[in-house]
Amino acid sequence: MGKVHERIDGRLREFIERQRMFFVATAPSGSGGRVNVSPKGIGGTFVVIDDHTVAYLDITASGAETIAHLRDNGRITLMFCAFEGPPNVVRLHGHGRFVTIYDDEFNDLAPLFAEVPGSRAVIVVDVQRISDSCGYGVPLMEYAGERELLPQHMERKGPDGRADYRRTKNSTSIDGLPAFDFDPVVG
């Protein structure tokens, strides 16, 4: 049976911080558009800031749906599943915002995370509902290690290459919403 919690503390906080992967769900406003669910799991990119605030480092990648949806309506849900140990699923429902690498606040938030090449923003979530449920349907799986491909790929691109990539691949969502369009135009 699921339970709603007042805050992220104690057992819930320990559970969340132990998970090697989580999922982020967002959707645009209205009945059109696509719901997006993204897996996240690069080590050192998630932090519980306080009992009602979490954040994760958003890495330059092939899409920017989360940023587009946060710009549109701010709704976001993070889900953590126990793939090892006792079964549990924790969902954090809230309102999110993003702090880009060009925002002054990014420099305040960046030290909370491991340094990861290709960071484009920090997603900060004001958690308004915290719930957990049994997780009996989640399979047991063993952690085999980190995939270093994305950080290495972004490091090889360098700052200018990452900005070019974002201008090409991240400026709009798959539904045409404005996404990460903050890189200065060069030339």
N, C-alpha and C. Protein backbone atom coordinates (compact mmCIF):
# COMPACT_ATOMS: atom_id res chain seq x y z
N MET A 1 0.85 -1.18 0.00
CA MET A 1 0.00 0.00 0.00
C MET A 1 0.89 1.24 0.00
N GLY A 2 0.61 2.18 -0.85
CA GLY A 2 1.39 3.40 -0.94
C GLY A 2 1.17 4.32 0.25
N LYS A 3 2.16 5.15 0.49
CA LYS A 3 2.08 6.09 1.60
C LYS A 3 2.61 7.45 1.14
N VAL A 4 1.95 8.52 1.59
CA VAL A 4 2.39 9.88 1.30
C VAL A 4 3.18 10.37 2.51
N HIS A 5 4.29 11.03 2.26
CA HIS A 5 5.19 11.50 3.32
C HIS A 5 5.23 13.02 3.35
N GLU A 6 5.52 13.56 4.51
CA GLU A 6 5.59 15.02 4.71
C GLU A 6 6.88 15.62 4.14
N ARG A 7 7.97 14.84 4.18
CA ARG A 7 9.27 15.39 3.78
C ARG A 7 10.21 14.28 3.34
N ILE A 8 11.30 14.69 2.72
CA ILE A 8 12.35 13.74 2.33
C ILE A 8 13.37 13.72 3.47
N ASP A 9 13.22 12.75 4.35
CA ASP A 9 14.18 12.64 5.45
C ASP A 9 14.34 11.18 5.84
N GLY A 10 15.28 10.92 6.71
CA GLY A 10 15.48 9.59 7.26
C GLY A 10 15.58 8.51 6.20
N ARG A 11 14.73 7.49 6.35
CA ARG A 11 14.74 6.32 5.47
C ARG A 11 14.53 6.69 4.00
N LEU A 12 13.62 7.62 3.72
CA LEU A 12 13.36 8.02 2.33
C LEU A 12 14.59 8.67 1.71
N ARG A 13 15.20 9.57 2.44
CA ARG A 13 16.39 10.25 1.91
C ARG A 13 17.51 9.24 1.67
N GLU A 14 17.73 8.34 2.61
CA GLU A 14 18.77 7.32 2.44
C GLU A 14 18.49 6.46 1.21
N PHE A 15 17.22 6.06 1.04
CA PHE A 15 16.84 5.25 -0.12
C PHE A 15 17.14 5.99 -1.42
N ILE A 16 16.66 7.23 -1.51
CA ILE A 16 16.85 8.02 -2.74
C ILE A 16 18.33 8.19 -3.05
N GLU A 17 19.12 8.53 -2.05
CA GLU A 17 20.54 8.79 -2.28
C GLU A 17 21.32 7.52 -2.65
N ARG A 18 20.80 6.34 -2.32
CA ARG A 18 21.47 5.08 -2.66
C ARG A 18 21.21 4.63 -4.10
N GLN A 19 20.13 5.12 -4.70
CA GLN A 19 19.76 4.63 -6.03
C GLN A 19 20.74 5.13 -7.09
N ARG A 20 21.11 4.24 -7.97
CA ARG A 20 22.08 4.57 -9.03
C ARG A 20 21.39 5.15 -10.27
N MET A 21 20.08 5.06 -10.29
CA MET A 21 19.35 5.58 -11.44
C MET A 21 17.97 6.05 -11.00
N PHE A 22 17.45 7.01 -11.72
CA PHE A 22 16.09 7.49 -11.49
C PHE A 22 15.49 7.91 -12.83
N PHE A 23 14.20 8.16 -12.82
CA PHE A 23 13.48 8.52 -14.03
C PHE A 23 12.83 9.88 -13.82
N VAL A 24 12.82 10.68 -14.88
CA VAL A 24 12.22 12.01 -14.86
C VAL A 24 11.07 12.02 -15.86
N ALA A 25 9.89 12.45 -15.40
CA ALA A 25 8.72 12.53 -16.28
C ALA A 25 8.21 13.97 -16.32
N THR A 26 7.93 14.45 -17.53
CA THR A 26 7.35 15.78 -17.75
C THR A 26 6.40 15.68 -18.94
N ALA A 27 5.57 16.69 -19.09
CA ALA A 27 4.64 16.74 -20.22
C ALA A 27 4.30 18.19 -20.51
N PRO A 28 4.01 18.50 -21.78
CA PRO A 28 3.59 19.86 -22.10
C PRO A 28 2.17 20.10 -21.61
N SER A 29 1.77 21.35 -21.60
CA SER A 29 0.40 21.71 -21.23
C SER A 29 -0.57 21.24 -22.30
N GLY A 30 -1.83 21.12 -21.93
CA GLY A 30 -2.88 20.79 -22.89
C GLY A 30 -2.92 19.32 -23.23
N SER A 31 -3.79 18.99 -24.18
CA SER A 31 -3.99 17.59 -24.54
C SER A 31 -3.05 17.13 -25.65
N GLY A 32 -2.39 18.05 -26.31
CA GLY A 32 -1.44 17.68 -27.36
C GLY A 32 -0.05 17.48 -26.79
N GLY A 33 0.85 17.11 -27.62
CA GLY A 33 2.23 16.94 -27.19
C GLY A 33 2.48 15.59 -26.59
N ARG A 34 3.74 15.31 -26.38
CA ARG A 34 4.15 14.00 -25.91
C ARG A 34 4.64 14.05 -24.47
N VAL A 35 4.28 13.05 -23.70
CA VAL A 35 4.82 12.87 -22.36
C VAL A 35 6.25 12.37 -22.54
N ASN A 36 7.15 12.88 -21.74
CA ASN A 36 8.55 12.45 -21.83
C ASN A 36 8.96 11.77 -20.53
N VAL A 37 9.64 10.65 -20.64
CA VAL A 37 10.24 9.96 -19.50
C VAL A 37 11.70 9.72 -19.85
N SER A 38 12.60 10.20 -19.00
CA SER A 38 14.03 10.07 -19.25
C SER A 38 14.72 9.35 -18.10
N PRO A 39 15.56 8.36 -18.41
CA PRO A 39 16.37 7.74 -17.36
C PRO A 39 17.59 8.63 -17.06
N LYS A 40 17.96 8.70 -15.81
CA LYS A 40 19.15 9.46 -15.39
C LYS A 40 19.97 8.56 -14.48
N GLY A 41 21.28 8.68 -14.52
CA GLY A 41 22.05 7.81 -13.66
C GLY A 41 23.54 8.02 -13.66
N ILE A 42 24.04 9.10 -14.19
CA ILE A 42 25.48 9.35 -14.11
C ILE A 42 25.82 9.68 -12.67
N GLY A 43 26.77 8.94 -12.10
CA GLY A 43 27.13 9.11 -10.70
C GLY A 43 27.49 10.54 -10.35
N GLY A 44 27.04 10.99 -9.18
CA GLY A 44 27.37 12.33 -8.70
C GLY A 44 26.55 13.45 -9.28
N THR A 45 25.44 13.12 -9.99
CA THR A 45 24.66 14.17 -10.65
C THR A 45 23.31 14.43 -9.98
N PHE A 46 23.04 13.81 -8.83
CA PHE A 46 21.79 14.03 -8.12
C PHE A 46 22.07 14.37 -6.67
N VAL A 47 21.27 15.30 -6.11
CA VAL A 47 21.46 15.69 -4.71
C VAL A 47 20.11 16.05 -4.08
N VAL A 48 19.95 15.65 -2.81
CA VAL A 48 18.83 16.12 -2.01
C VAL A 48 19.34 17.38 -1.32
N ILE A 49 18.75 18.53 -1.62
CA ILE A 49 19.20 19.80 -1.05
C ILE A 49 18.63 19.99 0.35
N ASP A 50 17.33 19.73 0.49
CA ASP A 50 16.69 19.80 1.81
C ASP A 50 15.45 18.92 1.78
N ASP A 51 14.63 18.99 2.80
CA ASP A 51 13.48 18.10 2.94
C ASP A 51 12.44 18.22 1.84
N HIS A 52 12.49 19.31 1.05
CA HIS A 52 11.51 19.51 -0.02
C HIS A 52 12.15 19.99 -1.33
N THR A 53 13.46 19.85 -1.44
CA THR A 53 14.13 20.31 -2.66
C THR A 53 15.19 19.30 -3.08
N VAL A 54 15.15 18.92 -4.36
CA VAL A 54 16.18 18.07 -4.95
C VAL A 54 16.68 18.75 -6.22
N ALA A 55 17.82 18.29 -6.70
CA ALA A 55 18.36 18.85 -7.94
C ALA A 55 19.20 17.80 -8.65
N TYR A 56 19.28 17.93 -9.95
CA TYR A 56 20.21 17.07 -10.69
C TYR A 56 20.85 17.87 -11.82
N LEU A 57 22.03 17.41 -12.18
CA LEU A 57 22.81 18.03 -13.24
C LEU A 57 22.26 17.53 -14.58
N ASP A 58 21.88 18.45 -15.43
CA ASP A 58 21.34 18.11 -16.74
C ASP A 58 22.49 18.17 -17.74
N ILE A 59 22.75 17.05 -18.39
CA ILE A 59 23.88 16.93 -19.30
C ILE A 59 23.41 17.14 -20.74
N THR A 60 24.22 17.83 -21.54
CA THR A 60 23.93 17.99 -22.96
C THR A 60 23.75 16.61 -23.57
N ALA A 61 22.63 16.40 -24.25
CA ALA A 61 22.33 15.12 -24.89
C ALA A 61 21.45 15.39 -26.09
N SER A 62 20.87 14.34 -26.65
CA SER A 62 20.17 14.45 -27.92
C SER A 62 18.85 15.21 -27.85
N GLY A 63 18.29 15.39 -26.67
CA GLY A 63 17.03 16.12 -26.55
C GLY A 63 17.05 17.06 -25.37
N ALA A 64 16.02 17.89 -25.29
CA ALA A 64 15.89 18.84 -24.18
C ALA A 64 14.43 18.95 -23.79
N GLU A 65 13.75 17.80 -23.76
CA GLU A 65 12.31 17.79 -23.46
C GLU A 65 12.01 18.32 -22.06
N THR A 66 12.81 17.91 -21.07
CA THR A 66 12.55 18.35 -19.70
C THR A 66 12.58 19.87 -19.62
N ILE A 67 13.60 20.48 -20.19
CA ILE A 67 13.70 21.93 -20.15
C ILE A 67 12.52 22.57 -20.88
N ALA A 68 12.14 22.03 -22.02
CA ALA A 68 11.00 22.58 -22.77
C ALA A 68 9.72 22.51 -21.94
N HIS A 69 9.49 21.37 -21.29
CA HIS A 69 8.27 21.22 -20.49
C HIS A 69 8.30 22.08 -19.24
N LEU A 70 9.47 22.22 -18.63
CA LEU A 70 9.57 23.11 -17.46
C LEU A 70 9.32 24.56 -17.87
N ARG A 71 9.79 24.95 -19.02
CA ARG A 71 9.51 26.30 -19.53
C ARG A 71 8.01 26.48 -19.74
N ASP A 72 7.35 25.43 -20.17
CA ASP A 72 5.92 25.49 -20.49
C ASP A 72 5.05 25.52 -19.23
N ASN A 73 5.33 24.62 -18.26
CA ASN A 73 4.41 24.53 -17.12
C ASN A 73 5.07 24.15 -15.79
N GLY A 74 6.31 23.75 -15.79
CA GLY A 74 7.02 23.45 -14.55
C GLY A 74 6.73 22.12 -13.91
N ARG A 75 5.76 21.35 -14.41
CA ARG A 75 5.40 20.07 -13.78
C ARG A 75 6.48 19.02 -14.01
N ILE A 76 6.80 18.28 -12.95
CA ILE A 76 7.84 17.26 -13.05
C ILE A 76 7.64 16.21 -11.97
N THR A 77 7.95 14.97 -12.32
CA THR A 77 7.94 13.87 -11.36
C THR A 77 9.24 13.10 -11.51
N LEU A 78 9.88 12.79 -10.38
CA LEU A 78 11.07 11.94 -10.37
C LEU A 78 10.67 10.63 -9.70
N MET A 79 11.14 9.51 -10.26
CA MET A 79 10.81 8.20 -9.69
C MET A 79 12.09 7.40 -9.47
N PHE A 80 12.21 6.83 -8.28
CA PHE A 80 13.35 6.02 -7.88
C PHE A 80 12.83 4.61 -7.59
N CYS A 81 13.46 3.59 -8.17
CA CYS A 81 13.05 2.20 -7.98
C CYS A 81 14.20 1.43 -7.36
N ALA A 82 13.87 0.54 -6.43
CA ALA A 82 14.88 -0.36 -5.85
C ALA A 82 15.07 -1.53 -6.81
N PHE A 83 16.21 -1.58 -7.48
CA PHE A 83 16.55 -2.72 -8.32
C PHE A 83 17.37 -3.74 -7.53
N GLU A 84 17.85 -3.33 -6.35
CA GLU A 84 18.58 -4.20 -5.44
C GLU A 84 17.94 -4.06 -4.06
N GLY A 85 18.08 -5.07 -3.22
CA GLY A 85 17.58 -4.99 -1.86
C GLY A 85 16.07 -5.03 -1.77
N PRO A 86 15.53 -4.58 -0.62
CA PRO A 86 14.07 -4.61 -0.42
C PRO A 86 13.35 -3.78 -1.48
N PRO A 87 12.18 -4.24 -1.93
CA PRO A 87 11.44 -3.52 -2.97
C PRO A 87 10.88 -2.19 -2.46
N ASN A 88 10.97 -1.19 -3.29
CA ASN A 88 10.41 0.12 -2.97
C ASN A 88 10.42 0.99 -4.22
N VAL A 89 9.44 1.85 -4.33
CA VAL A 89 9.38 2.86 -5.38
C VAL A 89 9.04 4.18 -4.69
N VAL A 90 9.82 5.22 -4.97
CA VAL A 90 9.56 6.55 -4.41
C VAL A 90 9.33 7.52 -5.56
N ARG A 91 8.26 8.30 -5.44
CA ARG A 91 7.96 9.33 -6.44
C ARG A 91 7.99 10.70 -5.78
N LEU A 92 8.64 11.63 -6.44
CA LEU A 92 8.70 13.02 -6.00
C LEU A 92 7.98 13.86 -7.05
N HIS A 93 6.81 14.37 -6.71
CA HIS A 93 6.03 15.22 -7.61
C HIS A 93 6.30 16.67 -7.23
N GLY A 94 6.52 17.51 -8.23
CA GLY A 94 6.76 18.89 -7.86
C GLY A 94 6.76 19.85 -9.02
N HIS A 95 7.33 20.99 -8.74
CA HIS A 95 7.48 22.06 -9.72
C HIS A 95 8.97 22.27 -9.93
N GLY A 96 9.39 22.21 -11.18
CA GLY A 96 10.82 22.32 -11.48
C GLY A 96 11.16 23.59 -12.21
N ARG A 97 12.42 23.91 -12.10
CA ARG A 97 12.98 25.03 -12.86
C ARG A 97 14.39 24.61 -13.26
N PHE A 98 14.94 25.31 -14.22
CA PHE A 98 16.29 24.98 -14.66
C PHE A 98 17.18 26.21 -14.54
N VAL A 99 18.43 25.95 -14.24
CA VAL A 99 19.44 27.00 -14.11
C VAL A 99 20.51 26.66 -15.13
N THR A 100 20.63 27.46 -16.19
CA THR A 100 21.56 27.12 -17.27
C THR A 100 23.00 27.46 -16.89
N ILE A 101 23.92 26.93 -17.65
CA ILE A 101 25.34 27.22 -17.44
C ILE A 101 25.64 28.70 -17.60
N TYR A 102 24.72 29.46 -18.19
CA TYR A 102 24.91 30.89 -18.38
C TYR A 102 24.33 31.73 -17.25
N ASP A 103 23.61 31.10 -16.32
CA ASP A 103 23.01 31.81 -15.20
C ASP A 103 24.00 31.91 -14.04
N ASP A 104 24.01 33.03 -13.34
CA ASP A 104 24.90 33.20 -12.19
C ASP A 104 24.68 32.11 -11.13
N GLU A 105 23.43 31.70 -10.93
CA GLU A 105 23.11 30.70 -9.92
C GLU A 105 23.77 29.34 -10.22
N PHE A 106 24.09 29.08 -11.48
CA PHE A 106 24.74 27.81 -11.84
C PHE A 106 26.03 27.63 -11.05
N ASN A 107 26.79 28.70 -10.90
CA ASN A 107 28.07 28.63 -10.17
C ASN A 107 27.86 28.32 -8.69
N ASP A 108 26.71 28.68 -8.14
CA ASP A 108 26.39 28.34 -6.75
C ASP A 108 25.98 26.87 -6.62
N LEU A 109 25.28 26.34 -7.63
CA LEU A 109 24.78 24.97 -7.57
C LEU A 109 25.81 23.93 -8.03
N ALA A 110 26.66 24.27 -8.97
CA ALA A 110 27.60 23.31 -9.57
C ALA A 110 28.45 22.56 -8.54
N PRO A 111 28.94 23.20 -7.46
CA PRO A 111 29.75 22.46 -6.50
C PRO A 111 29.01 21.33 -5.77
N LEU A 112 27.69 21.28 -5.86
CA LEU A 112 26.93 20.20 -5.23
C LEU A 112 27.13 18.87 -5.95
N PHE A 113 27.65 18.91 -7.18
CA PHE A 113 27.72 17.73 -8.03
C PHE A 113 29.17 17.39 -8.37
N ALA A 114 29.37 16.13 -8.78
CA ALA A 114 30.65 15.74 -9.36
C ALA A 114 30.80 16.52 -10.67
N GLU A 115 32.01 16.83 -11.02
CA GLU A 115 32.22 17.54 -12.29
C GLU A 115 31.96 16.58 -13.44
N VAL A 116 31.03 16.96 -14.31
CA VAL A 116 30.68 16.13 -15.45
C VAL A 116 30.77 16.99 -16.71
N PRO A 117 31.63 16.59 -17.66
CA PRO A 117 31.73 17.36 -18.90
C PRO A 117 30.39 17.39 -19.64
N GLY A 118 30.05 18.53 -20.17
CA GLY A 118 28.83 18.64 -20.97
C GLY A 118 27.62 19.12 -20.22
N SER A 119 27.77 19.55 -18.98
CA SER A 119 26.63 20.06 -18.23
C SER A 119 26.03 21.26 -18.97
N ARG A 120 24.70 21.29 -19.05
CA ARG A 120 24.05 22.45 -19.68
C ARG A 120 23.15 23.19 -18.70
N ALA A 121 22.76 22.51 -17.60
CA ALA A 121 21.87 23.15 -16.63
C ALA A 121 21.80 22.30 -15.37
N VAL A 122 21.23 22.89 -14.34
CA VAL A 122 20.84 22.15 -13.14
C VAL A 122 19.32 22.24 -13.10
N ILE A 123 18.68 21.09 -12.92
CA ILE A 123 17.24 21.04 -12.75
C ILE A 123 16.98 21.03 -11.25
N VAL A 124 16.25 22.02 -10.76
CA VAL A 124 15.92 22.14 -9.34
C VAL A 124 14.43 21.87 -9.19
N VAL A 125 14.08 20.97 -8.26
CA VAL A 125 12.68 20.59 -8.08
C VAL A 125 12.22 20.95 -6.68
N ASP A 126 11.17 21.76 -6.62
CA ASP A 126 10.46 22.05 -5.37
C ASP A 126 9.45 20.91 -5.22
N VAL A 127 9.73 19.98 -4.31
CA VAL A 127 8.92 18.78 -4.17
C VAL A 127 7.67 19.08 -3.35
N GLN A 128 6.52 18.82 -3.95
CA GLN A 128 5.24 19.13 -3.31
C GLN A 128 4.49 17.89 -2.83
N ARG A 129 4.84 16.73 -3.38
CA ARG A 129 4.22 15.47 -2.94
C ARG A 129 5.29 14.39 -2.96
N ILE A 130 5.38 13.65 -1.87
CA ILE A 130 6.38 12.59 -1.72
C ILE A 130 5.62 11.31 -1.39
N SER A 131 5.79 10.28 -2.19
CA SER A 131 5.10 9.03 -1.91
C SER A 131 6.00 7.85 -2.19
N ASP A 132 5.71 6.75 -1.50
CA ASP A 132 6.39 5.51 -1.83
C ASP A 132 5.38 4.39 -1.89
N SER A 133 5.75 3.33 -2.60
CA SER A 133 4.89 2.16 -2.75
C SER A 133 5.76 0.92 -2.75
N CYS A 134 5.13 -0.23 -2.77
CA CYS A 134 5.81 -1.50 -2.51
C CYS A 134 6.95 -1.83 -3.47
N GLY A 135 6.81 -1.59 -4.73
CA GLY A 135 7.86 -1.96 -5.68
C GLY A 135 7.96 -3.45 -5.94
N TYR A 136 6.93 -4.22 -5.59
CA TYR A 136 6.97 -5.67 -5.78
C TYR A 136 7.12 -6.07 -7.25
N GLY A 137 6.67 -5.24 -8.17
CA GLY A 137 6.75 -5.56 -9.60
C GLY A 137 8.06 -5.16 -10.25
N VAL A 138 8.98 -4.54 -9.50
CA VAL A 138 10.26 -4.10 -10.06
C VAL A 138 11.25 -5.26 -9.98
N PRO A 139 11.89 -5.63 -11.09
CA PRO A 139 12.81 -6.77 -11.07
C PRO A 139 14.09 -6.47 -10.28
N LEU A 140 14.70 -7.53 -9.79
CA LEU A 140 16.03 -7.40 -9.19
C LEU A 140 17.05 -7.37 -10.32
N MET A 141 17.97 -6.42 -10.24
CA MET A 141 19.02 -6.32 -11.26
C MET A 141 20.32 -5.97 -10.55
N GLU A 142 21.43 -6.37 -11.14
CA GLU A 142 22.73 -6.08 -10.55
C GLU A 142 23.40 -4.94 -11.29
N TYR A 143 24.00 -4.05 -10.51
CA TYR A 143 24.73 -2.92 -11.06
C TYR A 143 26.06 -3.43 -11.62
N ALA A 144 26.34 -3.13 -12.87
CA ALA A 144 27.57 -3.59 -13.51
C ALA A 144 28.58 -2.48 -13.69
N GLY A 145 28.19 -1.22 -13.50
CA GLY A 145 29.13 -0.12 -13.64
C GLY A 145 28.55 1.05 -14.40
N GLU A 146 29.31 2.13 -14.40
CA GLU A 146 28.91 3.36 -15.09
C GLU A 146 29.21 3.25 -16.58
N ARG A 147 28.40 3.90 -17.38
CA ARG A 147 28.72 4.09 -18.80
C ARG A 147 29.32 5.47 -18.91
N GLU A 148 30.52 5.53 -19.37
CA GLU A 148 31.24 6.80 -19.45
C GLU A 148 31.08 7.47 -20.82
N LEU A 149 30.27 6.90 -21.68
CA LEU A 149 30.19 7.36 -23.07
C LEU A 149 29.74 8.81 -23.21
N LEU A 150 28.65 9.20 -22.56
CA LEU A 150 28.13 10.56 -22.73
C LEU A 150 29.10 11.61 -22.22
N PRO A 151 29.60 11.50 -20.98
CA PRO A 151 30.56 12.52 -20.54
C PRO A 151 31.81 12.59 -21.43
N GLN A 152 32.32 11.44 -21.86
CA GLN A 152 33.51 11.45 -22.72
C GLN A 152 33.20 12.08 -24.07
N HIS A 153 32.05 11.75 -24.62
CA HIS A 153 31.63 12.32 -25.91
C HIS A 153 31.52 13.85 -25.81
N MET A 154 30.91 14.34 -24.74
CA MET A 154 30.76 15.78 -24.57
C MET A 154 32.11 16.46 -24.28
N GLU A 155 32.98 15.78 -23.57
CA GLU A 155 34.31 16.35 -23.32
C GLU A 155 35.09 16.51 -24.62
N ARG A 156 35.03 15.51 -25.50
CA ARG A 156 35.73 15.59 -26.79
C ARG A 156 35.21 16.75 -27.63
N LYS A 157 33.94 17.07 -27.53
CA LYS A 157 33.37 18.16 -28.32
C LYS A 157 33.94 19.52 -27.90
N GLY A 158 34.29 19.66 -26.63
CA GLY A 158 34.77 20.95 -26.14
C GLY A 158 33.62 21.94 -26.01
N PRO A 159 33.87 23.09 -25.36
CA PRO A 159 32.80 24.07 -25.13
C PRO A 159 32.12 24.56 -26.41
N ASP A 160 32.90 24.87 -27.45
CA ASP A 160 32.29 25.36 -28.70
C ASP A 160 31.49 24.28 -29.40
N GLY A 161 32.02 23.06 -29.42
CA GLY A 161 31.31 21.94 -30.04
C GLY A 161 30.02 21.60 -29.31
N ARG A 162 30.04 21.69 -27.97
CA ARG A 162 28.82 21.43 -27.20
C ARG A 162 27.77 22.50 -27.48
N ALA A 163 28.21 23.76 -27.56
CA ALA A 163 27.27 24.84 -27.87
C ALA A 163 26.68 24.65 -29.27
N ASP A 164 27.51 24.29 -30.24
CA ASP A 164 27.01 24.02 -31.60
C ASP A 164 25.99 22.87 -31.58
N TYR A 165 26.32 21.82 -30.85
CA TYR A 165 25.43 20.66 -30.74
C TYR A 165 24.09 21.07 -30.14
N ARG A 166 24.13 21.85 -29.05
CA ARG A 166 22.88 22.29 -28.42
C ARG A 166 22.07 23.16 -29.35
N ARG A 167 22.74 24.06 -30.09
CA ARG A 167 22.01 24.91 -31.03
C ARG A 167 21.32 24.06 -32.10
N THR A 168 21.96 22.97 -32.52
CA THR A 168 21.41 22.10 -33.55
C THR A 168 20.35 21.15 -33.02
N LYS A 169 20.61 20.54 -31.85
CA LYS A 169 19.77 19.44 -31.36
C LYS A 169 18.86 19.79 -30.19
N ASN A 170 19.11 20.89 -29.47
CA ASN A 170 18.41 21.14 -28.21
C ASN A 170 17.57 22.41 -28.17
N SER A 171 17.49 23.15 -29.26
CA SER A 171 16.80 24.44 -29.18
C SER A 171 15.28 24.32 -29.12
N THR A 172 14.72 23.23 -29.64
CA THR A 172 13.28 23.00 -29.56
C THR A 172 13.01 21.55 -29.15
N SER A 173 11.83 21.33 -28.60
CA SER A 173 11.43 19.98 -28.21
C SER A 173 10.92 19.22 -29.43
N ILE A 174 10.62 17.95 -29.25
CA ILE A 174 10.08 17.17 -30.36
C ILE A 174 8.71 17.67 -30.79
N ASP A 175 8.04 18.43 -29.91
CA ASP A 175 6.75 19.02 -30.23
C ASP A 175 6.86 20.48 -30.68
N GLY A 176 8.09 20.97 -30.84
CA GLY A 176 8.29 22.33 -31.31
C GLY A 176 8.29 23.41 -30.25
N LEU A 177 8.30 23.02 -28.97
CA LEU A 177 8.37 24.01 -27.89
C LEU A 177 9.79 24.53 -27.74
N PRO A 178 9.96 25.78 -27.30
CA PRO A 178 11.31 26.26 -27.04
C PRO A 178 11.95 25.42 -25.94
N ALA A 179 13.19 25.02 -26.14
CA ALA A 179 13.89 24.17 -25.15
C ALA A 179 15.17 24.89 -24.73
N PHE A 180 16.33 24.32 -25.00
CA PHE A 180 17.58 24.96 -24.61
C PHE A 180 18.06 25.82 -25.78
N ASP A 181 17.63 27.06 -25.79
CA ASP A 181 18.01 28.00 -26.85
C ASP A 181 18.80 29.17 -26.27
N PHE A 182 19.63 28.88 -25.31
CA PHE A 182 20.34 29.92 -24.56
C PHE A 182 21.79 30.13 -25.03
N ASP A 183 22.31 29.23 -25.84
CA ASP A 183 23.69 29.40 -26.32
C ASP A 183 23.77 30.61 -27.23
N PRO A 184 24.77 31.46 -26.99
CA PRO A 184 24.91 32.64 -27.85
C PRO A 184 25.20 32.23 -29.29
N VAL A 185 24.62 32.97 -30.20
CA VAL A 185 24.89 32.72 -31.63
C VAL A 185 26.23 33.34 -31.96
N VAL A 186 27.07 32.58 -32.63
CA VAL A 186 28.41 33.05 -32.98
C VAL A 186 28.47 33.46 -34.44
N GLY A 187 29.37 34.40 -34.70
CA GLY A 187 29.64 34.76 -36.08
C GLY A 187 28.72 35.74 -36.59
